[in-house]
Protein backbone atom coordinates (compact mmCIF):
# COMPACT_ATOMS: atom_id res chain seq x y z
CA MET A 1 0.42 -3.35 26.71
CA PHE A 2 -2.09 -1.76 28.83
CA ASP A 3 -3.01 -3.58 32.19
CA TYR A 4 -0.47 -6.36 31.21
CA ARG A 5 -2.82 -7.80 28.84
CA GLY A 6 -0.36 -9.46 26.75
CA LEU A 7 2.38 -10.30 29.48
CA HIS A 8 0.98 -13.75 29.85
CA ASP A 9 0.28 -14.55 26.35
CA MET A 10 3.31 -16.25 24.99
CA ALA A 11 1.87 -16.17 21.39
CA PHE A 12 1.42 -12.38 21.72
CA LEU A 13 4.80 -11.65 23.21
CA ALA A 14 6.50 -13.80 20.20
CA LEU A 15 4.47 -11.58 17.71
CA TYR A 16 5.27 -8.47 19.78
CA TRP A 17 9.02 -8.82 19.83
CA GLY A 18 9.02 -10.62 16.33
CA ALA A 19 7.69 -7.45 14.81
CA ALA A 20 10.08 -5.48 16.74
CA VAL A 21 13.15 -7.54 15.48
CA LEU A 22 11.86 -7.54 11.98
CA ALA A 23 11.67 -3.82 11.96
CA LEU A 24 15.17 -3.51 13.10
CA LEU A 25 16.48 -5.83 10.71
CA ALA A 26 14.52 -4.21 7.87
CA ALA A 27 16.29 -0.88 9.00
CA LEU A 28 19.72 -2.64 9.01
CA TYR A 29 18.95 -4.03 5.37
CA LEU A 30 17.95 -0.67 4.08
CA LEU A 31 21.13 1.24 5.49
CA CYS A 32 23.88 -1.37 5.03
CA ARG A 33 22.74 -2.92 1.50
CA ARG A 34 23.45 -0.76 -1.43
CA LYS A 35 21.54 -3.09 -3.90
CA ASN A 36 18.20 -3.78 -4.19
CA LEU A 37 16.39 -7.12 -3.93
CA LEU A 38 13.24 -6.24 -5.17
CA MET A 39 14.15 -3.88 -8.07
CA HIS A 40 17.11 -4.66 -10.76
CA GLU A 41 19.38 -1.54 -10.84
CA SER A 42 20.69 -0.70 -14.30
CA GLY A 43 23.66 0.88 -14.61
CA PRO A 44 24.24 4.51 -15.91
CA GLU A 45 25.63 3.43 -19.09
CA GLU A 46 22.21 2.86 -20.45
CA LEU A 47 21.20 6.31 -19.63
CA LEU A 48 20.12 8.39 -22.83
CA THR A 49 18.72 12.17 -22.73
CA ILE A 50 17.23 13.66 -25.70
CA GLU A 51 15.97 17.40 -25.81
CA LEU A 52 12.47 17.96 -27.52
CA PRO A 53 11.65 21.05 -29.77
CA SER A 54 9.81 22.57 -26.88
CA GLY A 55 13.26 22.66 -24.67
CA ARG A 56 12.06 19.94 -22.44
CA LYS A 57 14.36 17.11 -21.56
CA LEU A 58 13.12 13.64 -21.92
CA ARG A 59 15.14 10.50 -20.72
CA LEU A 60 15.17 7.18 -22.24
CA GLY A 61 16.48 3.88 -20.78
CA ARG A 62 16.73 5.65 -17.19
CA PRO A 63 18.87 3.87 -14.78
CA ARG A 64 16.84 2.06 -12.06
CA ARG A 65 18.02 2.62 -8.50
CA SER A 66 15.89 3.24 -5.39
CA SER A 67 16.35 6.81 -3.76
CA PRO A 68 19.06 6.68 -0.80
CA ARG A 69 17.18 9.55 0.72
CA LEU A 70 13.96 7.28 1.01
CA ARG A 71 15.88 4.41 2.19
CA ARG A 72 17.31 6.41 5.12
CA TRP A 73 14.22 7.72 6.10
CA THR A 74 12.32 4.70 5.89
CA ALA A 75 15.26 3.10 8.15
CA ALA A 76 14.85 5.72 10.71
CA ALA A 77 10.89 5.24 10.98
CA LEU A 78 11.59 1.55 11.05
CA VAL A 79 14.28 1.81 14.04
CA ALA A 80 11.41 4.17 15.83
CA MET A 81 9.02 1.18 15.64
CA ALA A 82 11.51 -1.06 17.18
CA LEU A 83 12.18 1.18 19.89
CA SER A 84 8.42 1.68 20.53
CA HIS A 85 8.25 -1.72 21.24
CA VAL A 86 10.98 -1.46 23.70
CA TRP A 87 9.74 1.42 25.77
CA TRP A 88 6.08 0.10 25.77
CA TYR A 89 7.51 -2.93 27.45
CA GLY A 90 9.99 -1.64 29.16
CA VAL A 91 8.62 1.16 31.09
CA GLY A 92 5.77 -0.89 32.37
CA GLN A 93 8.13 -3.78 33.61
CA TRP A 94 11.17 -1.94 34.60
CA TRP A 95 10.24 1.61 35.43
CA LEU A 96 6.85 3.13 36.53
CA VAL A 97 5.65 -0.36 37.40
CA ASP A 98 2.91 0.97 39.80
CA ASP A 99 2.27 4.25 38.38
CA HIS A 100 -0.07 3.41 35.40
CA LEU A 101 -1.20 7.05 34.52
CA VAL A 102 2.39 8.43 34.05
CA ARG A 103 3.65 5.42 32.09
CA THR A 104 1.23 5.58 29.73
CA LEU A 105 1.20 9.26 29.08
CA LEU A 106 5.03 8.69 28.67
CA VAL A 107 5.04 6.11 26.06
CA ILE A 108 2.17 7.57 24.02
CA MET A 109 4.01 10.98 24.07
CA LEU A 110 7.38 9.15 22.81
CA ASP A 111 5.28 7.51 20.01
CA HIS A 112 3.77 10.53 18.91
CA MET A 113 7.01 12.59 18.99
CA THR A 114 9.00 9.79 16.86
CA LEU A 115 6.67 7.61 14.67
CA VAL A 116 4.36 10.75 13.71
CA PRO A 117 7.02 12.87 12.46
CA LEU A 118 9.08 10.17 10.97
CA LEU A 119 6.42 8.69 8.94
CA MET A 120 5.74 11.95 7.72
CA GLY A 121 9.34 12.23 6.62
CA VAL A 122 8.94 9.22 4.67
CA LEU A 123 6.02 10.38 3.04
CA LEU A 124 7.64 13.56 1.76
CA ALA A 125 10.82 11.66 0.65
CA MET A 126 8.62 9.79 -1.55
CA LEU A 127 7.65 12.93 -3.44
CA GLN A 128 10.83 13.49 -5.70
CA ASP A 129 9.65 16.69 -8.00
CA ARG A 130 11.28 18.87 -5.16
CA ARG A 131 12.49 18.53 -1.53
CA ARG A 132 9.93 19.75 0.96
CA PRO A 133 10.89 20.70 4.39
CA LEU A 134 10.06 18.75 7.47
CA TRP A 135 10.70 21.13 10.12
CA PRO A 136 7.33 22.75 10.05
CA TRP A 137 5.78 19.24 10.98
CA LEU A 138 8.36 18.97 13.66
CA LEU A 139 7.25 22.08 15.37
CA VAL A 140 3.68 21.03 15.26
CA GLN A 141 4.77 18.30 17.57
CA ALA A 142 5.89 20.61 20.40
CA PRO A 143 2.47 21.17 21.94
CA VAL A 144 2.04 17.19 22.16
CA ALA A 145 5.64 17.16 24.17
CA VAL A 146 4.28 20.15 26.37
CA LEU A 147 0.72 18.45 26.95
CA GLY A 148 2.46 15.30 27.90
CA ALA A 149 4.91 16.65 30.13
CA VAL A 150 2.19 18.98 31.94
CA GLY A 151 -0.17 16.10 32.12
CA MET A 152 2.45 13.93 33.74
CA ALA A 153 3.52 16.60 36.23
CA GLN A 154 -0.26 17.25 37.14
CA ARG A 155 -1.48 13.72 36.80
CA SER A 156 -3.98 14.93 34.29
CA TRP A 157 -5.25 12.47 31.57
CA LEU A 158 -7.33 15.51 30.01
CA LEU A 159 -4.10 17.45 29.39
CA GLY A 160 -1.50 14.56 28.86
CA TYR A 161 -3.77 12.23 26.77
CA THR A 162 -6.95 13.73 25.73
CA LEU A 163 -5.93 17.34 24.54
CA ALA A 164 -2.69 15.81 23.30
CA CYS A 165 -4.33 13.30 20.99
CA TRP A 166 -6.74 15.94 19.82
CA TRP A 167 -4.01 18.01 18.73
CA GLN A 168 -2.14 15.25 16.89
CA LEU A 169 -5.24 14.43 15.24
CA GLY A 170 -5.42 17.97 14.07
CA SER A 171 -1.77 18.03 12.97
CA ILE A 172 -2.40 14.90 10.89
CA ALA A 173 -5.71 16.16 9.32
CA VAL A 174 -3.56 19.23 8.43
CA PHE A 175 -0.59 17.16 6.80
CA ILE A 176 -2.95 14.94 5.03
CA THR A 177 -4.63 18.19 3.45
CA TYR A 178 -1.07 19.30 2.56
CA TYR A 179 0.01 16.09 1.24
CA ILE A 180 -2.98 15.55 -1.07
CA TYR A 181 -2.37 19.08 -2.69
CA ALA A 182 1.64 18.00 -2.88
CA LEU A 183 0.32 14.49 -4.43
CA ARG A 184 -1.58 16.47 -7.22
CA GLN A 185 1.52 18.48 -7.72
CA TYR A 186 3.60 15.47 -7.99
CA GLY A 187 1.23 13.81 -10.32
CA ARG A 188 1.43 16.72 -12.72
CA TRP A 189 5.07 16.65 -12.72
CA LEU A 190 5.19 13.13 -13.42
CA LEU A 191 2.86 13.59 -16.36
CA MET A 192 5.04 16.27 -17.82
CA SER A 193 8.31 14.95 -17.31
CA TYR A 194 8.26 11.32 -17.86
CA ALA A 195 6.65 9.25 -20.52
CA ASP A 196 6.47 6.05 -19.05
CA LEU A 197 3.01 4.75 -17.56
CA GLU A 198 4.44 3.32 -14.52
CA HIS A 199 5.72 6.65 -13.02
CA LYS A 200 2.31 8.21 -13.95
CA GLN A 201 0.60 5.90 -11.43
CA VAL A 202 3.05 6.30 -8.80
CA TRP A 203 1.08 9.07 -6.79
CA GLN A 204 -1.85 6.30 -6.28
CA SER A 205 0.45 4.06 -4.27
CA LEU A 206 1.59 7.35 -2.23
CA ALA A 207 -2.03 8.22 -1.54
CA LEU A 208 -2.67 4.61 -0.45
CA ALA A 209 0.40 5.03 1.92
CA LEU A 210 -0.96 8.15 3.56
CA VAL A 211 -4.12 6.32 4.35
CA PHE A 212 -2.25 3.38 5.55
CA PHE A 213 0.16 5.48 7.91
CA ALA A 214 -2.61 7.46 9.24
CA ILE A 215 -4.46 4.43 10.48
CA TYR A 216 -1.39 2.94 11.96
CA GLY A 217 -0.58 6.06 13.92
CA LEU A 218 -4.19 6.42 15.27
CA TYR A 219 -4.61 2.96 15.91
CA THR A 220 -1.57 1.61 17.60
CA SER A 221 -1.42 4.56 20.14
CA ASN A 222 -4.62 4.06 21.86
CA MET A 223 -5.69 1.51 24.55
CA GLY A 224 -7.67 -1.64 23.77
CA ALA A 225 -8.27 -5.41 24.20
CA LEU A 226 -5.70 -7.97 23.64
CA SER A 227 -7.42 -8.56 20.30
CA ARG A 228 -6.82 -4.82 19.46
CA GLU A 229 -3.26 -5.23 20.53
CA TYR A 230 -2.62 -8.34 18.30
CA LEU A 231 -4.19 -6.36 15.62
CA SER A 232 -1.47 -3.52 16.17
CA GLN A 233 1.31 -5.99 15.82
CA VAL A 234 -0.17 -7.27 12.68
CA LEU A 235 -0.41 -3.58 11.21
CA THR A 236 3.45 -3.30 12.33
CA VAL A 237 4.32 -5.95 10.35
CA ALA A 238 2.31 -5.06 7.30
CA ILE A 239 4.03 -1.43 7.77
CA VAL A 240 7.40 -2.83 7.74
CA ALA A 241 6.77 -4.95 4.75
CA PHE A 242 5.22 -1.92 2.86
CA LEU A 243 8.03 0.29 3.91
CA VAL A 244 10.58 -2.07 2.68
CA TRP A 245 8.72 -2.59 -0.67
CA ARG A 246 8.12 0.90 -1.30
CA ALA A 247 11.96 1.88 -0.42
CA GLU A 248 13.09 -0.83 -2.83
CA THR A 249 10.82 -0.48 -5.80
CA LEU A 250 10.12 3.42 -5.82
CA GLU A 251 12.76 4.26 -8.50
CA GLU A 252 14.94 7.54 -7.88
CA LEU A 253 13.99 10.15 -10.22
CA SER A 254 16.84 12.64 -10.88
CA ASP A 255 17.28 15.36 -13.53
CA GLY A 256 15.47 15.51 -16.79
CA GLY A 257 12.47 17.13 -15.59
CA PRO A 258 11.54 20.49 -14.80
CA PRO A 259 13.44 22.21 -12.02
């Protein structure tokens, strides 16, 4: 909410805090509710595993349930979205009221250090062929924190914002390149391990999610007019809905495929 553009717009404030509350409620739902509303969960008694002559196992009638790991990562990202709304409003209204440069660098750095790695964690949790570590992508965020801190200390927009954003753009580009490669591996794994067409097409929705999250991360951390701020909140609501839908409907795939 740069330069108080939305502070006197009641419709924007309602949308702003409504998006924050929606994200928080969605996170609580994913953490506290064990059963899905969007996907019927079958019991394990319907599971049947057969072994093919090649030695590969094929599962028929798999139990349908969402991944607890994906639900936890998604809930963490949603909590970060809600907190982002708090610090964007609170830092400017209750702290650093008269220091536009420092408060702007601070809230953008907080967004970069929370939303970006958590959304990366959500995307990696969607790939169920194997667990991929998140720590390399956390380390990549360290220069963002350093540049932000130095920029605030020296009151340098170049260091705290421009260079930090360019570094973040580079890290996101590297992650996208890596994720596309991982998606290709995941697609081959699904084709080899599961006979149903539904799972063979899952990777396509993950590719869409990757683009969606990249646009969200780049768009909502930049300054703009009130219309841009409205659109950023609409994007937040869309992201919350997408995350809940994906966490609920992306079926957990356990054993039965290649190790």
